[in-house]
């Protein structure tokens, strides 16, 4: 089950513009209030990009929205093992690069200085 579009074209455009503006303003402002402003902007940007608003869905059709959210959670749970496997693979590659860098930095023939 995919998220239905419940945000119409004009609302999406306004969400995109407002979200981008809030992100820039929040980053420029800094501090905790800037972080909250940027996070709010990110939520608006996501709303505009996806065309779906959970809050609007909960107001207009709560049962359908809850079922959709349950399906999203189930999909994320199903993806966790694959994501964990990819993270383990990336960690192994990172450790290999680190080992190689250590070997290149400290060759066996050079004494370690105190």
N, C-alpha and C. Protein backbone atom coordinates (compact mmCIF):
# COMPACT_ATOMS: atom_id res chain seq x y z
N UNK A 1 0.86 -1.17 0.00
CA UNK A 1 0.00 0.00 0.00
C UNK A 1 0.90 1.23 0.00
N UNK A 2 0.63 2.15 -0.91
CA UNK A 2 1.45 3.35 -0.99
C UNK A 2 0.66 4.54 -0.46
N UNK A 3 1.39 5.56 -0.13
CA UNK A 3 0.74 6.77 0.36
C UNK A 3 -0.01 7.43 -0.78
N UNK A 4 -1.24 7.79 -0.52
CA UNK A 4 -2.04 8.48 -1.53
C UNK A 4 -1.70 9.96 -1.52
N UNK A 5 -1.90 10.57 -2.65
CA UNK A 5 -1.68 12.02 -2.74
C UNK A 5 -2.92 12.71 -2.19
N UNK A 6 -2.78 13.38 -1.08
CA UNK A 6 -3.89 14.13 -0.51
C UNK A 6 -3.58 15.62 -0.42
N UNK A 7 -2.43 16.02 -0.97
CA UNK A 7 -2.05 17.42 -1.03
C UNK A 7 -2.07 17.81 -2.51
N UNK A 8 -2.88 18.78 -2.84
CA UNK A 8 -3.07 19.15 -4.23
C UNK A 8 -1.96 20.07 -4.74
N UNK A 9 -1.96 20.31 -6.03
CA UNK A 9 -0.87 20.99 -6.71
C UNK A 9 -0.48 22.33 -6.06
N UNK A 10 -1.43 23.20 -5.81
CA UNK A 10 -1.11 24.51 -5.22
C UNK A 10 -0.56 24.35 -3.80
N UNK A 11 -1.16 23.46 -3.02
CA UNK A 11 -0.66 23.20 -1.66
C UNK A 11 0.77 22.67 -1.70
N UNK A 12 1.05 21.81 -2.66
CA UNK A 12 2.39 21.26 -2.78
C UNK A 12 3.40 22.36 -3.09
N UNK A 13 3.04 23.24 -4.02
CA UNK A 13 3.95 24.33 -4.39
C UNK A 13 4.21 25.25 -3.20
N UNK A 14 3.16 25.57 -2.46
CA UNK A 14 3.32 26.43 -1.28
C UNK A 14 4.17 25.72 -0.23
N UNK A 15 3.94 24.43 -0.04
CA UNK A 15 4.73 23.66 0.94
C UNK A 15 6.20 23.63 0.54
N UNK A 16 6.48 23.43 -0.74
CA UNK A 16 7.87 23.39 -1.21
C UNK A 16 8.56 24.73 -1.00
N UNK A 17 7.89 25.81 -1.38
CA UNK A 17 8.50 27.14 -1.24
C UNK A 17 8.68 27.52 0.23
N UNK A 18 7.66 27.28 1.03
CA UNK A 18 7.74 27.62 2.45
C UNK A 18 8.78 26.75 3.17
N UNK A 19 8.81 25.47 2.82
CA UNK A 19 9.77 24.56 3.44
C UNK A 19 11.20 24.94 3.13
N UNK A 20 11.47 25.23 1.86
CA UNK A 20 12.83 25.62 1.48
C UNK A 20 13.24 26.92 2.17
N UNK A 21 12.32 27.87 2.22
CA UNK A 21 12.60 29.15 2.90
C UNK A 21 12.87 28.94 4.38
N UNK A 22 12.07 28.09 5.03
CA UNK A 22 12.25 27.84 6.46
C UNK A 22 13.58 27.13 6.74
N UNK A 23 13.97 26.22 5.87
CA UNK A 23 15.26 25.53 6.06
C UNK A 23 16.41 26.54 5.98
N UNK A 24 16.40 27.37 4.95
CA UNK A 24 17.46 28.37 4.80
C UNK A 24 17.46 29.33 5.99
N UNK A 25 16.28 29.81 6.38
CA UNK A 25 16.19 30.73 7.51
C UNK A 25 16.67 30.07 8.80
N UNK A 26 16.31 28.82 9.01
CA UNK A 26 16.72 28.11 10.21
C UNK A 26 18.22 27.90 10.28
N UNK A 27 18.80 27.54 9.14
CA UNK A 27 20.26 27.32 9.10
C UNK A 27 20.98 28.64 9.34
N UNK A 28 20.50 29.71 8.72
CA UNK A 28 21.13 31.03 8.91
C UNK A 28 20.96 31.52 10.34
N UNK A 29 19.83 31.25 10.95
CA UNK A 29 19.54 31.71 12.30
C UNK A 29 20.41 30.98 13.32
N UNK A 30 20.55 29.67 13.16
CA UNK A 30 21.34 28.89 14.10
C UNK A 30 20.63 28.70 15.43
N UNK A 31 21.31 28.06 16.36
CA UNK A 31 20.74 27.81 17.68
C UNK A 31 19.61 26.80 17.63
N UNK A 32 19.02 26.57 18.79
CA UNK A 32 17.97 25.56 18.87
C UNK A 32 16.71 25.99 18.13
N UNK A 33 16.38 27.29 18.16
CA UNK A 33 15.20 27.74 17.43
C UNK A 33 15.41 27.61 15.92
N UNK A 34 16.63 27.82 15.47
CA UNK A 34 16.95 27.63 14.05
C UNK A 34 16.83 26.18 13.63
N UNK A 35 17.23 25.29 14.53
CA UNK A 35 17.11 23.85 14.24
C UNK A 35 15.64 23.47 14.10
N UNK A 36 14.81 23.96 15.02
CA UNK A 36 13.38 23.65 14.94
C UNK A 36 12.74 24.23 13.68
N UNK A 37 13.17 25.43 13.32
CA UNK A 37 12.65 26.06 12.10
C UNK A 37 13.06 25.23 10.88
N UNK A 38 14.30 24.78 10.84
CA UNK A 38 14.78 23.97 9.72
C UNK A 38 14.08 22.62 9.66
N UNK A 39 13.83 22.02 10.82
CA UNK A 39 13.11 20.74 10.85
C UNK A 39 11.67 20.90 10.36
N UNK A 40 11.03 21.99 10.77
CA UNK A 40 9.69 22.28 10.26
C UNK A 40 9.69 22.48 8.76
N UNK A 41 10.71 23.17 8.27
CA UNK A 41 10.86 23.36 6.83
C UNK A 41 11.07 22.05 6.11
N UNK A 42 11.84 21.15 6.72
CA UNK A 42 12.06 19.83 6.11
C UNK A 42 10.76 19.04 6.02
N UNK A 43 9.93 19.16 7.07
CA UNK A 43 8.64 18.47 7.04
C UNK A 43 7.76 19.03 5.92
N UNK A 44 7.76 20.35 5.77
CA UNK A 44 6.98 20.96 4.69
C UNK A 44 7.53 20.56 3.32
N UNK A 45 8.84 20.49 3.21
CA UNK A 45 9.47 20.08 1.95
C UNK A 45 9.08 18.64 1.61
N UNK A 46 9.11 17.77 2.60
CA UNK A 46 8.71 16.38 2.40
C UNK A 46 7.25 16.29 1.97
N UNK A 47 6.41 17.10 2.58
CA UNK A 47 4.98 17.15 2.25
C UNK A 47 4.79 17.56 0.79
N UNK A 48 5.54 18.57 0.37
CA UNK A 48 5.43 19.03 -1.00
C UNK A 48 5.97 18.05 -2.01
N UNK A 49 7.05 17.38 -1.68
CA UNK A 49 7.65 16.41 -2.60
C UNK A 49 6.79 15.17 -2.72
N UNK A 50 6.34 14.64 -1.59
CA UNK A 50 5.57 13.39 -1.61
C UNK A 50 4.12 13.58 -2.03
N UNK A 51 3.58 14.76 -1.77
CA UNK A 51 2.17 14.99 -2.07
C UNK A 51 1.24 14.37 -1.05
N UNK A 52 1.80 13.99 0.10
CA UNK A 52 0.99 13.35 1.14
C UNK A 52 1.26 14.04 2.47
N UNK A 53 0.18 14.29 3.21
CA UNK A 53 0.28 14.89 4.54
C UNK A 53 -0.43 13.97 5.53
N UNK A 54 0.31 13.44 6.48
CA UNK A 54 -0.26 12.52 7.47
C UNK A 54 -1.33 13.22 8.30
N UNK A 55 -1.07 14.45 8.71
CA UNK A 55 -2.04 15.18 9.54
C UNK A 55 -3.34 15.38 8.77
N UNK A 56 -3.24 15.79 7.52
CA UNK A 56 -4.43 15.97 6.69
C UNK A 56 -5.16 14.64 6.50
N UNK A 57 -4.41 13.56 6.33
CA UNK A 57 -5.00 12.24 6.20
C UNK A 57 -5.71 11.79 7.46
N UNK A 58 -5.12 12.08 8.62
CA UNK A 58 -5.75 11.71 9.89
C UNK A 58 -7.05 12.46 10.11
N UNK A 59 -7.13 13.69 9.62
CA UNK A 59 -8.35 14.47 9.76
C UNK A 59 -9.42 13.99 8.79
N UNK A 60 -9.03 13.76 7.53
CA UNK A 60 -10.03 13.43 6.51
C UNK A 60 -10.46 11.96 6.53
N UNK A 61 -9.52 11.02 6.76
CA UNK A 61 -9.86 9.59 6.75
C UNK A 61 -8.92 8.85 7.70
N UNK A 62 -9.21 8.91 9.01
CA UNK A 62 -8.26 8.36 9.99
C UNK A 62 -8.03 6.86 9.86
N UNK A 63 -9.06 6.08 9.55
CA UNK A 63 -8.86 4.63 9.43
C UNK A 63 -7.92 4.27 8.30
N UNK A 64 -8.14 4.88 7.16
CA UNK A 64 -7.29 4.62 6.00
C UNK A 64 -5.86 5.08 6.27
N UNK A 65 -5.72 6.23 6.91
CA UNK A 65 -4.39 6.76 7.21
C UNK A 65 -3.65 5.85 8.19
N UNK A 66 -4.33 5.37 9.21
CA UNK A 66 -3.69 4.46 10.17
C UNK A 66 -3.26 3.16 9.49
N UNK A 67 -4.10 2.65 8.61
CA UNK A 67 -3.73 1.42 7.89
C UNK A 67 -2.51 1.66 7.00
N UNK A 68 -2.50 2.79 6.36
CA UNK A 68 -1.35 3.15 5.52
C UNK A 68 -0.08 3.27 6.37
N UNK A 69 -0.18 3.90 7.53
CA UNK A 69 0.97 4.04 8.42
C UNK A 69 1.43 2.68 8.94
N UNK A 70 0.48 1.78 9.25
CA UNK A 70 0.85 0.43 9.68
C UNK A 70 1.62 -0.29 8.58
N UNK A 71 1.17 -0.12 7.34
CA UNK A 71 1.86 -0.77 6.23
C UNK A 71 3.26 -0.20 6.04
N UNK A 72 3.40 1.11 6.22
CA UNK A 72 4.73 1.73 6.12
C UNK A 72 5.67 1.19 7.19
N UNK A 73 5.17 1.03 8.41
CA UNK A 73 5.98 0.48 9.50
C UNK A 73 6.37 -0.97 9.17
N UNK A 74 5.44 -1.75 8.65
CA UNK A 74 5.74 -3.14 8.29
C UNK A 74 6.80 -3.19 7.18
N UNK A 75 6.69 -2.30 6.21
CA UNK A 75 7.69 -2.25 5.13
C UNK A 75 9.07 -1.89 5.67
N UNK A 76 9.11 -0.94 6.60
CA UNK A 76 10.39 -0.55 7.20
C UNK A 76 11.00 -1.69 8.02
N UNK A 77 10.15 -2.40 8.76
CA UNK A 77 10.64 -3.56 9.52
C UNK A 77 11.21 -4.62 8.60
N UNK A 78 10.55 -4.84 7.47
CA UNK A 78 11.02 -5.84 6.51
C UNK A 78 12.35 -5.42 5.89
N UNK A 79 12.58 -4.13 5.77
CA UNK A 79 13.81 -3.64 5.17
C UNK A 79 14.99 -3.63 6.14
N UNK A 80 14.74 -3.70 7.44
CA UNK A 80 15.81 -3.61 8.43
C UNK A 80 16.93 -4.65 8.25
N UNK A 81 16.63 -5.93 8.03
CA UNK A 81 17.73 -6.89 7.87
C UNK A 81 18.63 -6.56 6.67
N UNK A 82 18.03 -6.12 5.58
CA UNK A 82 18.81 -5.75 4.39
C UNK A 82 19.67 -4.54 4.69
N UNK A 83 19.11 -3.56 5.39
CA UNK A 83 19.88 -2.37 5.74
C UNK A 83 21.02 -2.70 6.71
N UNK A 84 20.76 -3.61 7.66
CA UNK A 84 21.80 -4.01 8.60
C UNK A 84 22.94 -4.73 7.87
N UNK A 85 22.59 -5.56 6.91
CA UNK A 85 23.60 -6.27 6.12
C UNK A 85 24.46 -5.27 5.34
N UNK A 86 23.83 -4.27 4.77
CA UNK A 86 24.57 -3.25 4.02
C UNK A 86 25.46 -2.43 4.96
N UNK A 87 24.97 -2.10 6.15
CA UNK A 87 25.78 -1.37 7.12
C UNK A 87 27.00 -2.18 7.54
N UNK A 88 26.81 -3.49 7.77
CA UNK A 88 27.93 -4.36 8.13
C UNK A 88 28.96 -4.42 7.01
N UNK A 89 28.49 -4.48 5.76
CA UNK A 89 29.40 -4.51 4.61
C UNK A 89 30.20 -3.22 4.54
N UNK A 90 29.52 -2.08 4.73
CA UNK A 90 30.21 -0.80 4.67
C UNK A 90 31.20 -0.65 5.82
N UNK A 91 30.84 -1.16 6.99
CA UNK A 91 31.74 -1.09 8.14
C UNK A 91 33.00 -1.91 7.86
N UNK A 92 32.83 -3.08 7.26
CA UNK A 92 33.98 -3.91 6.91
C UNK A 92 34.90 -3.22 5.92
N UNK A 93 34.31 -2.55 4.93
CA UNK A 93 35.13 -1.81 3.96
C UNK A 93 35.87 -0.67 4.63
N UNK A 94 35.20 0.01 5.55
CA UNK A 94 35.83 1.13 6.25
C UNK A 94 36.99 0.63 7.11
N UNK A 95 36.81 -0.51 7.77
CA UNK A 95 37.88 -1.07 8.59
C UNK A 95 39.07 -1.48 7.72
N UNK A 96 38.81 -2.02 6.55
CA UNK A 96 39.90 -2.40 5.63
C UNK A 96 40.67 -1.15 5.19
N UNK A 97 39.95 -0.07 4.87
CA UNK A 97 40.63 1.16 4.47
C UNK A 97 41.46 1.73 5.61
N UNK A 98 40.92 1.65 6.83
CA UNK A 98 41.65 2.16 7.99
C UNK A 98 42.92 1.33 8.22
N UNK A 99 42.79 0.01 8.14
CA UNK A 99 43.97 -0.86 8.30
C UNK A 99 45.02 -0.55 7.24
N UNK A 100 44.57 -0.35 6.01
CA UNK A 100 45.51 -0.03 4.93
C UNK A 100 46.19 1.31 5.19
N UNK A 101 45.43 2.30 5.65
CA UNK A 101 46.00 3.61 5.93
C UNK A 101 47.02 3.53 7.06
N UNK A 102 46.74 2.73 8.08
CA UNK A 102 47.68 2.57 9.18
C UNK A 102 48.96 1.92 8.69
N UNK A 103 48.83 0.90 7.83
CA UNK A 103 50.02 0.23 7.29
C UNK A 103 50.84 1.18 6.43
N UNK A 104 50.19 2.04 5.65
CA UNK A 104 50.89 2.99 4.81
C UNK A 104 51.56 4.08 5.63
N UNK A 105 50.94 4.47 6.73
CA UNK A 105 51.48 5.54 7.56
C UNK A 105 52.65 5.06 8.39
N UNK A 106 52.57 3.85 8.91
CA UNK A 106 53.62 3.30 9.76
C UNK A 106 54.17 2.01 9.17
N UNK A 107 55.06 2.11 8.18
CA UNK A 107 55.65 0.88 7.63
C UNK A 107 56.47 0.15 8.69
N UNK A 108 56.62 -1.14 8.53
CA UNK A 108 57.30 -1.98 9.51
C UNK A 108 58.77 -1.60 9.66
N UNK A 109 59.38 -1.03 8.61
CA UNK A 109 60.80 -0.70 8.68
C UNK A 109 61.07 0.58 9.47
N UNK A 110 60.07 1.41 9.66
CA UNK A 110 60.28 2.66 10.39
C UNK A 110 60.00 2.45 11.87
N UNK A 111 60.92 2.90 12.73
CA UNK A 111 60.64 2.76 14.17
C UNK A 111 59.57 3.77 14.60
N UNK A 112 58.78 3.37 15.56
CA UNK A 112 57.76 4.25 16.10
C UNK A 112 58.42 5.20 17.08
N UNK A 113 58.22 6.50 16.87
CA UNK A 113 58.86 7.47 17.75
C UNK A 113 58.03 7.62 19.03
N UNK A 114 58.71 7.90 20.16
CA UNK A 114 58.00 8.01 21.44
C UNK A 114 57.16 9.24 21.57
